[in-house]
C-alpha cells in the first residue's frame, strides 16, 4: 500500500506495518471523538513517525498513485475529524489489517 502524507511524500507500507500502527490509529480516533486536540496531535505525530520508520520512501522522481492519503501533520482536530468521517469503510485513518472493528471506548 502506498501512503501519502500531505506535504511530506509517499511511503510503501506492508500489511504487517499497518497492523503495527493500528493501536496508534485507534488512539488517534479516540482522541478525535473525545475532542482532545493535544492527544490527537500526539497520536498523529506518532503515526507519522511509524509510517516514516516502517515504510519505504517512494522516490520523488517516481509517479505512483496513493492508496491512502494521510492529513497534513499540522491538521486541526476538525480537519482530522472530517477525514475520519470520510473513511467510513474502516475505522481510523488506516485500514485495519484484521477486519474492521469498533475502537474500544475509553
PDB file of N, CA and C in Angstrom:
ATOM      1  N   UNK A   1       0.855  -1.167   0.000  1.00  0.00           N
ATOM      2  CA  UNK A   1       0.000   0.000   0.000  1.00  0.00           C
ATOM      3  C   UNK A   1       0.899   1.227   0.000  1.00  0.00           C
ATOM      4  N   UNK A   2       0.554   2.193  -0.859  1.00  0.00           N
ATOM      5  CA  UNK A   2       1.295   3.451  -0.899  1.00  0.00           C
ATOM      6  C   UNK A   2       0.503   4.495  -0.110  1.00  0.00           C
ATOM      7  N   UNK A   3       1.171   5.061   0.895  1.00  0.00           N
ATOM      8  CA  UNK A   3       0.554   6.052   1.770  1.00  0.00           C
ATOM      9  C   UNK A   3       1.205   7.406   1.507  1.00  0.00           C
ATOM     10  N   UNK A   4       0.375   8.405   1.254  1.00  0.00           N
ATOM     11  CA  UNK A   4       0.872   9.771   1.085  1.00  0.00           C
ATOM     12  C   UNK A   4       0.560  10.566   2.341  1.00  0.00           C
ATOM     13  N   UNK A   5       1.583  11.224   2.869  1.00  0.00           N
ATOM     14  CA  UNK A   5       1.397  12.180   3.954  1.00  0.00           C
ATOM     15  C   UNK A   5       1.449  13.547   3.285  1.00  0.00           C
ATOM     16  N   UNK A   6       0.334  14.264   3.339  1.00  0.00           N
ATOM     17  CA  UNK A   6       0.256  15.553   2.658  1.00  0.00           C
ATOM     18  C   UNK A   6       1.391  16.461   3.112  1.00  0.00           C
ATOM     19  N   UNK A   7       2.049  17.056   2.135  1.00  0.00           N
ATOM     20  CA  UNK A   7       3.145  17.972   2.417  1.00  0.00           C
ATOM     21  C   UNK A   7       4.477  17.302   2.685  1.00  0.00           C
ATOM     22  N   UNK A   8       4.517  15.947   2.682  1.00  0.00           N
ATOM     23  CA  UNK A   8       5.765  15.258   3.013  1.00  0.00           C
ATOM     24  C   UNK A   8       6.226  14.258   1.971  1.00  0.00           C
ATOM     25  N   UNK A   9       5.326  13.472   1.395  1.00  0.00           N
ATOM     26  CA  UNK A   9       5.742  12.470   0.426  1.00  0.00           C
ATOM     27  C   UNK A   9       4.963  11.183   0.581  1.00  0.00           C
ATOM     28  N   UNK A  10       5.507  10.123  -0.049  1.00  0.00           N
ATOM     29  CA  UNK A  10       4.842   8.824  -0.070  1.00  0.00           C
ATOM     30  C   UNK A  10       5.760   7.747   0.504  1.00  0.00           C
ATOM     31  N   UNK A  11       5.123   6.735   1.129  1.00  0.00           N
ATOM     32  CA  UNK A  11       5.834   5.583   1.657  1.00  0.00           C
ATOM     33  C   UNK A  11       5.065   4.326   1.279  1.00  0.00           C
ATOM     34  N   UNK A  12       5.796   3.244   1.036  1.00  0.00           N
ATOM     35  CA  UNK A  12       5.192   1.939   0.800  1.00  0.00           C
ATOM     36  C   UNK A  12       5.136   1.233   2.149  1.00  0.00           C
ATOM     37  N   UNK A  13       3.929   0.810   2.534  1.00  0.00           N
ATOM     38  CA  UNK A  13       3.730   0.071   3.778  1.00  0.00           C
ATOM     39  C   UNK A  13       3.172  -1.305   3.457  1.00  0.00           C
ATOM     40  N   UNK A  14       3.689  -2.300   4.134  1.00  0.00           N
ATOM     41  CA  UNK A  14       3.215  -3.674   4.010  1.00  0.00           C
ATOM     42  C   UNK A  14       2.076  -3.900   5.008  1.00  0.00           C
ATOM     43  N   UNK A  15       1.248  -4.936   4.823  1.00  0.00           N
ATOM     44  CA  UNK A  15       0.143  -5.198   5.757  1.00  0.00           C
ATOM     45  C   UNK A  15       0.588  -5.300   7.211  1.00  0.00           C
ATOM     46  N   UNK A  16       1.740  -5.900   7.457  1.00  0.00           N
ATOM     47  CA  UNK A  16       2.214  -6.019   8.843  1.00  0.00           C
ATOM     48  C   UNK A  16       2.559  -4.653   9.446  1.00  0.00           C
ATOM     49  N   UNK A  17       2.931  -3.690   8.595  1.00  0.00           N
ATOM     50  CA  UNK A  17       3.188  -2.326   9.080  1.00  0.00           C
ATOM     51  C   UNK A  17       1.887  -1.677   9.541  1.00  0.00           C
ATOM     52  N   UNK A  18       0.824  -1.894   8.771  1.00  0.00           N
ATOM     53  CA  UNK A  18      -0.481  -1.340   9.143  1.00  0.00           C
ATOM     54  C   UNK A  18      -0.938  -1.918  10.478  1.00  0.00           C
ATOM     55  N   UNK A  19      -0.723  -3.214  10.658  1.00  0.00           N
ATOM     56  CA  UNK A  19      -1.092  -3.856  11.924  1.00  0.00           C
ATOM     57  C   UNK A  19      -0.290  -3.275  13.076  1.00  0.00           C
ATOM     58  N   UNK A  20       1.001  -3.005  12.854  1.00  0.00           N
ATOM     59  CA  UNK A  20       1.854  -2.445  13.904  1.00  0.00           C
ATOM     60  C   UNK A  20       1.403  -1.038  14.296  1.00  0.00           C
ATOM     61  N   UNK A  21       0.810  -0.303  13.360  1.00  0.00           N
ATOM     62  CA  UNK A  21       0.379   1.079  13.617  1.00  0.00           C
ATOM     63  C   UNK A  21      -1.072   1.172  14.069  1.00  0.00           C
ATOM     64  N   UNK A  22      -1.771   0.048  14.109  1.00  0.00           N
ATOM     65  CA  UNK A  22      -3.200   0.060  14.406  1.00  0.00           C
ATOM     66  C   UNK A  22      -3.520   0.633  15.784  1.00  0.00           C
ATOM     67  N   UNK A  23      -2.735   0.305  16.807  1.00  0.00           N
ATOM     68  CA  UNK A  23      -3.020   0.804  18.164  1.00  0.00           C
ATOM     69  C   UNK A  23      -2.931   2.323  18.217  1.00  0.00           C
ATOM     70  N   UNK A  24      -1.969   2.900  17.521  1.00  0.00           N
ATOM     71  CA  UNK A  24      -1.839   4.365  17.492  1.00  0.00           C
ATOM     72  C   UNK A  24      -3.005   4.970  16.721  1.00  0.00           C
ATOM     73  N   UNK A  25      -3.429   4.311  15.667  1.00  0.00           N
ATOM     74  CA  UNK A  25      -4.572   4.775  14.879  1.00  0.00           C
ATOM     75  C   UNK A  25      -5.838   4.803  15.740  1.00  0.00           C
ATOM     76  N   UNK A  26      -6.024   3.783  16.586  1.00  0.00           N
ATOM     77  CA  UNK A  26      -7.175   3.738  17.491  1.00  0.00           C
ATOM     78  C   UNK A  26      -7.082   4.876  18.511  1.00  0.00           C
ATOM     79  N   UNK A  27      -5.887   5.124  19.045  1.00  0.00           N
ATOM     80  CA  UNK A  27      -5.698   6.240  19.983  1.00  0.00           C
ATOM     81  C   UNK A  27      -6.063   7.564  19.321  1.00  0.00           C
ATOM     82  N   UNK A  28      -5.651   7.723  18.077  1.00  0.00           N
ATOM     83  CA  UNK A  28      -5.957   8.942  17.331  1.00  0.00           C
ATOM     84  C   UNK A  28      -7.460   9.120  17.198  1.00  0.00           C
ATOM     85  N   UNK A  29      -8.144   8.060  16.793  1.00  0.00           N
ATOM     86  CA  UNK A  29      -9.592   8.162  16.618  1.00  0.00           C
ATOM     87  C   UNK A  29     -10.292   8.461  17.945  1.00  0.00           C
ATOM     88  N   UNK A  30      -9.862   7.807  19.007  1.00  0.00           N
ATOM     89  CA  UNK A  30     -10.467   8.062  20.313  1.00  0.00           C
ATOM     90  C   UNK A  30     -10.246   9.500  20.761  1.00  0.00           C
ATOM     91  N   UNK A  31      -9.060  10.049  20.515  1.00  0.00           N
ATOM     92  CA  UNK A  31      -8.775  11.441  20.877  1.00  0.00           C
ATOM     93  C   UNK A  31      -9.662  12.400  20.089  1.00  0.00           C
ATOM     94  N   UNK A  32      -9.866  12.113  18.803  1.00  0.00           N
ATOM     95  CA  UNK A  32     -10.733  12.964  17.974  1.00  0.00           C
ATOM     96  C   UNK A  32     -12.164  12.889  18.486  1.00  0.00           C
ATOM     97  N   UNK A  33     -12.635  11.686  18.771  1.00  0.00           N
ATOM     98  CA  UNK A  33     -14.003  11.522  19.274  1.00  0.00           C
ATOM     99  C   UNK A  33     -14.205  12.246  20.604  1.00  0.00           C
ATOM    100  N   UNK A  34     -13.153  12.296  21.425  1.00  0.00           N
ATOM    101  CA  UNK A  34     -13.229  12.965  22.723  1.00  0.00           C
ATOM    102  C   UNK A  34     -13.019  14.476  22.603  1.00  0.00           C
ATOM    103  N   UNK A  35     -12.629  14.934  21.405  1.00  0.00           N
ATOM    104  CA  UNK A  35     -12.379  16.358  21.216  1.00  0.00           C
ATOM    105  C   UNK A  35     -11.087  16.819  21.868  1.00  0.00           C
ATOM    106  N   UNK A  36     -10.132  15.908  22.074  1.00  0.00           N
ATOM    107  CA  UNK A  36      -8.871  16.214  22.746  1.00  0.00           C
ATOM    108  C   UNK A  36      -7.783  16.463  21.706  1.00  0.00           C
ATOM    109  N   UNK A  37      -7.590  17.743  21.374  1.00  0.00           N
ATOM    110  CA  UNK A  37      -6.633  18.090  20.315  1.00  0.00           C
ATOM    111  C   UNK A  37      -5.194  17.735  20.699  1.00  0.00           C
ATOM    112  N   UNK A  38      -4.827  17.879  21.966  1.00  0.00           N
ATOM    113  CA  UNK A  38      -3.465  17.569  22.393  1.00  0.00           C
ATOM    114  C   UNK A  38      -3.157  16.078  22.189  1.00  0.00           C
ATOM    115  N   UNK A  39      -4.062  15.211  22.621  1.00  0.00           N
ATOM    116  CA  UNK A  39      -3.863  13.766  22.425  1.00  0.00           C
ATOM    117  C   UNK A  39      -3.918  13.396  20.949  1.00  0.00           C
ATOM    118  N   UNK A  40      -4.779  14.083  20.187  1.00  0.00           N
ATOM    119  CA  UNK A  40      -4.864  13.831  18.747  1.00  0.00           C
ATOM    120  C   UNK A  40      -3.533  14.174  18.082  1.00  0.00           C
ATOM    121  N   UNK A  41      -2.962  15.313  18.417  1.00  0.00           N
ATOM    122  CA  UNK A  41      -1.675  15.718  17.821  1.00  0.00           C
ATOM    123  C   UNK A  41      -0.555  14.741  18.188  1.00  0.00           C
ATOM    124  N   UNK A  42      -0.556  14.288  19.449  1.00  0.00           N
ATOM    125  CA  UNK A  42       0.457  13.326  19.881  1.00  0.00           C
ATOM    126  C   UNK A  42       0.320  12.022  19.084  1.00  0.00           C
ATOM    127  N   UNK A  43      -0.901  11.506  18.973  1.00  0.00           N
ATOM    128  CA  UNK A  43      -1.124  10.259  18.239  1.00  0.00           C
ATOM    129  C   UNK A  43      -0.799  10.431  16.756  1.00  0.00           C
ATOM    130  N   UNK A  44      -1.187  11.567  16.165  1.00  0.00           N
ATOM    131  CA  UNK A  44      -0.906  11.823  14.750  1.00  0.00           C
ATOM    132  C   UNK A  44       0.604  11.867  14.512  1.00  0.00           C
ATOM    133  N   UNK A  45       1.322  12.512  15.411  1.00  0.00           N
ATOM    134  CA  UNK A  45       2.778  12.590  15.298  1.00  0.00           C
ATOM    135  C   UNK A  45       3.402  11.198  15.380  1.00  0.00           C
ATOM    136  N   UNK A  46       2.929  10.366  16.328  1.00  0.00           N
ATOM    137  CA  UNK A  46       3.462   9.010  16.452  1.00  0.00           C
ATOM    138  C   UNK A  46       3.092   8.150  15.254  1.00  0.00           C
ATOM    139  N   UNK A  47       1.915   8.384  14.680  1.00  0.00           N
ATOM    140  CA  UNK A  47       1.500   7.650  13.486  1.00  0.00           C
ATOM    141  C   UNK A  47       2.422   7.977  12.320  1.00  0.00           C
ATOM    142  N   UNK A  48       2.714   9.270  12.134  1.00  0.00           N
ATOM    143  CA  UNK A  48       3.627   9.670  11.055  1.00  0.00           C
ATOM    144  C   UNK A  48       5.032   9.139  11.299  1.00  0.00           C
ATOM    145  N   UNK A  49       5.497   9.179  12.554  1.00  0.00           N
ATOM    146  CA  UNK A  49       6.820   8.627  12.870  1.00  0.00           C
ATOM    147  C   UNK A  49       6.874   7.145  12.496  1.00  0.00           C
ATOM    148  N   UNK A  50       5.801   6.411  12.797  1.00  0.00           N
ATOM    149  CA  UNK A  50       5.753   4.992  12.460  1.00  0.00           C
ATOM    150  C   UNK A  50       5.756   4.755  10.963  1.00  0.00           C
ATOM    151  N   UNK A  51       5.016   5.581  10.222  1.00  0.00           N
ATOM    152  CA  UNK A  51       4.992   5.456   8.761  1.00  0.00           C
ATOM    153  C   UNK A  51       6.392   5.679   8.206  1.00  0.00           C
ATOM    154  N   UNK A  52       7.070   6.712   8.692  1.00  0.00           N
ATOM    155  CA  UNK A  52       8.425   7.015   8.207  1.00  0.00           C
ATOM    156  C   UNK A  52       9.413   5.909   8.591  1.00  0.00           C
ATOM    157  N   UNK A  53       9.261   5.372   9.791  1.00  0.00           N
ATOM    158  CA  UNK A  53      10.186   4.353  10.286  1.00  0.00           C
ATOM    159  C   UNK A  53       9.977   2.997   9.607  1.00  0.00           C
ATOM    160  N   UNK A  54       8.724   2.580   9.477  1.00  0.00           N
ATOM    161  CA  UNK A  54       8.430   1.257   8.938  1.00  0.00           C
ATOM    162  C   UNK A  54       8.362   1.223   7.410  1.00  0.00           C
ATOM    163  N   UNK A  55       7.916   2.325   6.828  1.00  0.00           N
ATOM    164  CA  UNK A  55       7.703   2.351   5.386  1.00  0.00           C
ATOM    165  C   UNK A  55       8.981   2.579   4.598  1.00  0.00           C
ATOM    166  N   UNK A  56       8.872   2.313   3.316  1.00  0.00           N
ATOM    167  CA  UNK A  56       9.961   2.579   2.378  1.00  0.00           C
ATOM    168  C   UNK A  56       9.578   3.806   1.566  1.00  0.00           C
ATOM    169  N   UNK A  57      10.393   4.870   1.605  1.00  0.00           N
ATOM    170  CA  UNK A  57      10.039   6.077   0.855  1.00  0.00           C
ATOM    171  C   UNK A  57       9.951   5.808  -0.652  1.00  0.00           C
ATOM    172  N   UNK A  58       8.942   6.409  -1.272  1.00  0.00           N
ATOM    173  CA  UNK A  58       8.828   6.357  -2.729  1.00  0.00           C
ATOM    174  C   UNK A  58       9.684   7.511  -3.251  1.00  0.00           C
ATOM    175  N   UNK A  59      10.645   7.230  -4.143  1.00  0.00           N
ATOM    176  CA  UNK A  59      11.498   8.304  -4.653  1.00  0.00           C
ATOM    177  C   UNK A  59      10.672   9.424  -5.296  1.00  0.00           C
ATOM    178  N   UNK A  60      11.141  10.657  -5.138  1.00  0.00           N
ATOM    179  CA  UNK A  60      10.435  11.818  -5.671  1.00  0.00           C
ATOM    180  C   UNK A  60      10.244  11.760  -7.186  1.00  0.00           C
ATOM    181  N   UNK A  61      11.164  11.078  -7.883  1.00  0.00           N
ATOM    182  CA  UNK A  61      11.061  11.037  -9.342  1.00  0.00           C
ATOM    183  C   UNK A  61      10.153   9.908  -9.843  1.00  0.00           C
ATOM    184  N   UNK A  62       9.528   9.163  -8.931  1.00  0.00           N
ATOM    185  CA  UNK A  62       8.610   8.087  -9.300  1.00  0.00           C
ATOM    186  C   UNK A  62       7.179   8.579  -9.111  1.00  0.00           C
ATOM    187  N   UNK A  63       6.380   8.453 -10.170  1.00  0.00           N
ATOM    188  CA  UNK A  63       4.965   8.821 -10.077  1.00  0.00           C
ATOM    189  C   UNK A  63       4.170   7.579  -9.701  1.00  0.00           C
ATOM    190  N   UNK A  64       3.572   7.621  -8.512  1.00  0.00           N
ATOM    191  CA  UNK A  64       2.794   6.478  -8.043  1.00  0.00           C
ATOM    192  C   UNK A  64       1.513   6.988  -7.419  1.00  0.00           C
ATOM    193  N   UNK A  65       0.409   6.321  -7.753  1.00  0.00           N
ATOM    194  CA  UNK A  65      -0.878   6.684  -7.173  1.00  0.00           C
ATOM    195  C   UNK A  65      -0.915   6.232  -5.720  1.00  0.00           C
ATOM    196  N   UNK A  66      -1.402   7.095  -4.853  1.00  0.00           N
ATOM    197  CA  UNK A  66      -1.502   6.767  -3.433  1.00  0.00           C
ATOM    198  C   UNK A  66      -2.766   5.948  -3.178  1.00  0.00           C
ATOM    199  N   UNK A  67      -2.623   4.902  -2.372  1.00  0.00           N
ATOM    200  CA  UNK A  67      -3.773   4.108  -1.955  1.00  0.00           C
ATOM    201  C   UNK A  67      -4.486   4.768  -0.782  1.00  0.00           C
ATOM    202  N   UNK A  68      -3.745   5.561  -0.024  1.00  0.00           N
ATOM    203  CA  UNK A  68      -4.266   6.197   1.166  1.00  0.00           C
ATOM    204  C   UNK A  68      -3.587   7.545   1.327  1.00  0.00           C
ATOM    205  N   UNK A  69      -4.366   8.573   1.641  1.00  0.00           N
ATOM    206  CA  UNK A  69      -3.818   9.912   1.856  1.00  0.00           C
ATOM    207  C   UNK A  69      -4.038  10.283   3.313  1.00  0.00           C
ATOM    208  N   UNK A  70      -2.939  10.581   4.000  1.00  0.00           N
ATOM    209  CA  UNK A  70      -2.982  10.994   5.394  1.00  0.00           C
ATOM    210  C   UNK A  70      -3.039  12.519   5.456  1.00  0.00           C
ATOM    211  N   UNK A  71      -3.594  13.051   6.533  1.00  0.00           N
ATOM    212  CA  UNK A  71      -3.668  14.506   6.642  1.00  0.00           C
ATOM    213  C   UNK A  71      -2.289  15.132   6.815  1.00  0.00           C
ATOM    214  N   UNK A  72      -2.233  16.420   6.624  1.00  0.00           N
ATOM    215  CA  UNK A  72      -1.029  17.193   6.886  1.00  0.00           C
ATOM    216  C   UNK A  72      -0.700  17.066   8.373  1.00  0.00           C
ATOM    217  N   UNK A  73       0.581  16.973   8.738  1.00  0.00           N
ATOM    218  CA  UNK A  73       0.939  16.861  10.156  1.00  0.00           C
ATOM    219  C   UNK A  73       0.432  18.020  11.025  1.00  0.00           C
ATOM    220  N   UNK A  74       0.144  19.157  10.428  1.00  0.00           N
ATOM    221  CA  UNK A  74      -0.356  20.312  11.177  1.00  0.00           C
ATOM    222  C   UNK A  74      -1.874  20.428  11.137  1.00  0.00           C
ATOM    223  N   UNK A  75      -2.557  19.370  10.748  1.00  0.00           N
ATOM    224  CA  UNK A  75      -4.018  19.405  10.642  1.00  0.00           C
ATOM    225  C   UNK A  75      -4.667  19.680  11.995  1.00  0.00           C
ATOM    226  N   UNK A  76      -5.807  20.349  11.944  1.00  0.00           N
ATOM    227  CA  UNK A  76      -6.563  20.632  13.159  1.00  0.00           C
ATOM    228  C   UNK A  76      -7.427  19.427  13.515  1.00  0.00           C
ATOM    229  N   UNK A  77      -7.967  19.461  14.713  1.00  0.00           N
ATOM    230  CA  UNK A  77      -8.879  18.417  15.171  1.00  0.00           C
ATOM    231  C   UNK A  77     -10.069  18.291  14.223  1.00  0.00           C
ATOM    232  N   UNK A  78     -10.633  19.411  13.811  1.00  0.00           N
ATOM    233  CA  UNK A  78     -11.789  19.388  12.891  1.00  0.00           C
ATOM    234  C   UNK A  78     -11.422  18.770  11.554  1.00  0.00           C
ATOM    235  N   UNK A  79     -10.238  19.090  11.031  1.00  0.00           N
ATOM    236  CA  UNK A  79      -9.812  18.536   9.747  1.00  0.00           C
ATOM    237  C   UNK A  79      -9.641  17.018   9.836  1.00  0.00           C
ATOM    238  N   UNK A  80      -9.039  16.546  10.930  1.00  0.00           N
ATOM    239  CA  UNK A  80      -8.854  15.103  11.096  1.00  0.00           C
ATOM    240  C   UNK A  80     -10.206  14.428  11.300  1.00  0.00           C
ATOM    241  N   UNK A  81     -11.105  15.081  12.033  1.00  0.00           N
ATOM    242  CA  UNK A  81     -12.453  14.531  12.234  1.00  0.00           C
ATOM    243  C   UNK A  81     -13.168  14.366  10.894  1.00  0.00           C
ATOM    244  N   UNK A  82     -13.073  15.368  10.033  1.00  0.00           N
ATOM    245  CA  UNK A  82     -13.715  15.281   8.709  1.00  0.00           C
ATOM    246  C   UNK A  82     -13.111  14.143   7.901  1.00  0.00           C
ATOM    247  N   UNK A  83     -11.805  13.971   7.973  1.00  0.00           N
ATOM    248  CA  UNK A  83     -11.151  12.890   7.243  1.00  0.00           C
ATOM    249  C   UNK A  83     -11.585  11.528   7.795  1.00  0.00           C
ATOM    250  N   UNK A  84     -11.659  11.404   9.116  1.00  0.00           N
ATOM    251  CA  UNK A  84     -12.125  10.152   9.715  1.00  0.00           C
ATOM    252  C   UNK A  84     -13.556   9.845   9.285  1.00  0.00           C
ATOM    253  N   UNK A  85     -14.395  10.866   9.247  1.00  0.00           N
ATOM    254  CA  UNK A  85     -15.786  10.674   8.831  1.00  0.00           C
ATOM    255  C   UNK A  85     -15.876  10.233   7.368  1.00  0.00           C
ATOM    256  N   UNK A  86     -14.891  10.620   6.564  1.00  0.00           N
ATOM    257  CA  UNK A  86     -14.930  10.274   5.136  1.00  0.00           C
ATOM    258  C   UNK A  86     -14.371   8.882   4.853  1.00  0.00           C
ATOM    259  N   UNK A  87     -13.742   8.254   5.840  1.00  0.00           N
ATOM    260  CA  UNK A  87     -13.179   6.914   5.648  1.00  0.00           C
ATOM    261  C   UNK A  87     -14.077   5.888   6.316  1.00  0.00           C
ATOM    262  N   UNK A  88     -15.336   5.894   5.929  1.00  0.00           N
ATOM    263  CA  UNK A  88     -16.339   5.055   6.596  1.00  0.00           C
ATOM    264  C   UNK A  88     -16.174   3.563   6.326  1.00  0.00           C
ATOM    265  N   UNK A  89     -15.347   3.173   5.360  1.00  0.00           N
ATOM    266  CA  UNK A  89     -15.205   1.745   5.084  1.00  0.00           C
ATOM    267  C   UNK A  89     -14.322   1.037   6.109  1.00  0.00           C
ATOM    268  N   UNK A  90     -13.640   1.800   6.954  1.00  0.00           N
ATOM    269  CA  UNK A  90     -12.864   1.216   8.048  1.00  0.00           C
ATOM    270  C   UNK A  90     -12.765   2.239   9.162  1.00  0.00           C
ATOM    271  N   UNK A  91     -12.316   1.784  10.324  1.00  0.00           N
ATOM    272  CA  UNK A  91     -12.222   2.664  11.486  1.00  0.00           C
ATOM    273  C   UNK A  91     -10.817   3.229  11.566  1.00  0.00           C
ATOM    274  N   UNK A  92     -10.704   4.518  11.851  1.00  0.00           N
ATOM    275  CA  UNK A  92      -9.406   5.175  11.930  1.00  0.00           C
ATOM    276  C   UNK A  92      -8.960   5.670  10.570  1.00  0.00           C
ATOM    277  N   UNK A  93      -7.734   6.133  10.514  1.00  0.00           N
ATOM    278  CA  UNK A  93      -7.178   6.622   9.255  1.00  0.00           C
ATOM    279  C   UNK A  93      -6.613   5.495   8.415  1.00  0.00           C
ATOM    280  N   UNK A  94      -6.116   4.455   9.072  1.00  0.00           N
ATOM    281  CA  UNK A  94      -5.514   3.327   8.360  1.00  0.00           C
ATOM    282  C   UNK A  94      -6.494   2.176   8.280  1.00  0.00           C
ATOM    283  N   UNK A  95      -6.481   1.440   7.181  1.00  0.00           N
ATOM    284  CA  UNK A  95      -7.319   0.243   7.124  1.00  0.00           C
ATOM    285  C   UNK A  95      -6.812  -0.766   8.140  1.00  0.00           C
ATOM    286  N   UNK A  96      -7.715  -1.471   8.762  1.00  0.00           N
ATOM    287  CA  UNK A  96      -7.377  -2.472   9.754  1.00  0.00           C
ATOM    288  C   UNK A  96      -7.066  -3.768   9.043  1.00  0.00           C
ATOM    289  N   UNK A  97      -5.858  -4.269   9.227  1.00  0.00           N
ATOM    290  CA  UNK A  97      -5.436  -5.480   8.549  1.00  0.00           C
ATOM    291  C   UNK A  97      -6.183  -6.725   8.992  1.00  0.00           C
ATOM    292  N   UNK A  98      -6.913  -6.643  10.123  1.00  0.00           N
ATOM    293  CA  UNK A  98      -7.604  -7.824  10.624  1.00  0.00           C
ATOM    294  C   UNK A  98      -9.099  -7.664  10.552  1.00  0.00           C
ATOM    295  N   UNK A  99      -9.603  -6.833   9.689  1.00  0.00           N
ATOM    296  CA  UNK A  99     -11.043  -6.610   9.606  1.00  0.00           C
ATOM    297  C   UNK A  99     -11.428  -5.397  10.423  1.00  0.00           C
ATOM    298  N   UNK A 100     -12.549  -4.782  10.115  1.00  0.00           N
ATOM    299  CA  UNK A 100     -12.973  -3.592  10.809  1.00  0.00           C
ATOM    300  C   UNK A 100     -13.626  -3.928  12.129  1.00  0.00           C
ATOM    301  N   UNK A 101     -13.101  -3.310  13.168  1.00  0.00           N
ATOM    302  CA  UNK A 101     -13.674  -3.477  14.499  1.00  0.00           C
ATOM    303  C   UNK A 101     -13.800  -2.104  15.116  1.00  0.00           C
ATOM    304  N   UNK A 102     -14.859  -1.917  15.881  1.00  0.00           N
ATOM    305  CA  UNK A 102     -15.063  -0.652  16.561  1.00  0.00           C
ATOM    306  C   UNK A 102     -13.942  -0.443  17.568  1.00  0.00           C
ATOM    307  N   UNK A 103     -13.419   0.801  17.705  1.00  0.00           N
ATOM    308  CA  UNK A 103     -12.414   1.043  18.729  1.00  0.00           C
ATOM    309  C   UNK A 103     -13.046   0.941  20.110  1.00  0.00           C
ATOM    310  N   UNK A 104     -12.225   0.555  21.071  1.00  0.00           N
ATOM    311  CA  UNK A 104     -12.724   0.413  22.445  1.00  0.00           C
ATOM    312  C   UNK A 104     -13.049   1.768  23.030  1.00  0.00           C
ATOM    313  N   UNK A 105     -14.101   1.817  23.816  1.00  0.00           N
ATOM    314  CA  UNK A 105     -14.493   3.054  24.483  1.00  0.00           C
ATOM    315  C   UNK A 105     -13.517   3.294  25.630  1.00  0.00           C
ATOM    316  N   UNK A 106     -13.151   4.570  25.860  1.00  0.00           N
ATOM    317  CA  UNK A 106     -12.257   4.869  26.988  1.00  0.00           C
ATOM    318  C   UNK A 106     -13.045   5.404  28.141  1.00  0.00           C
TER     319      UNK A 106
END
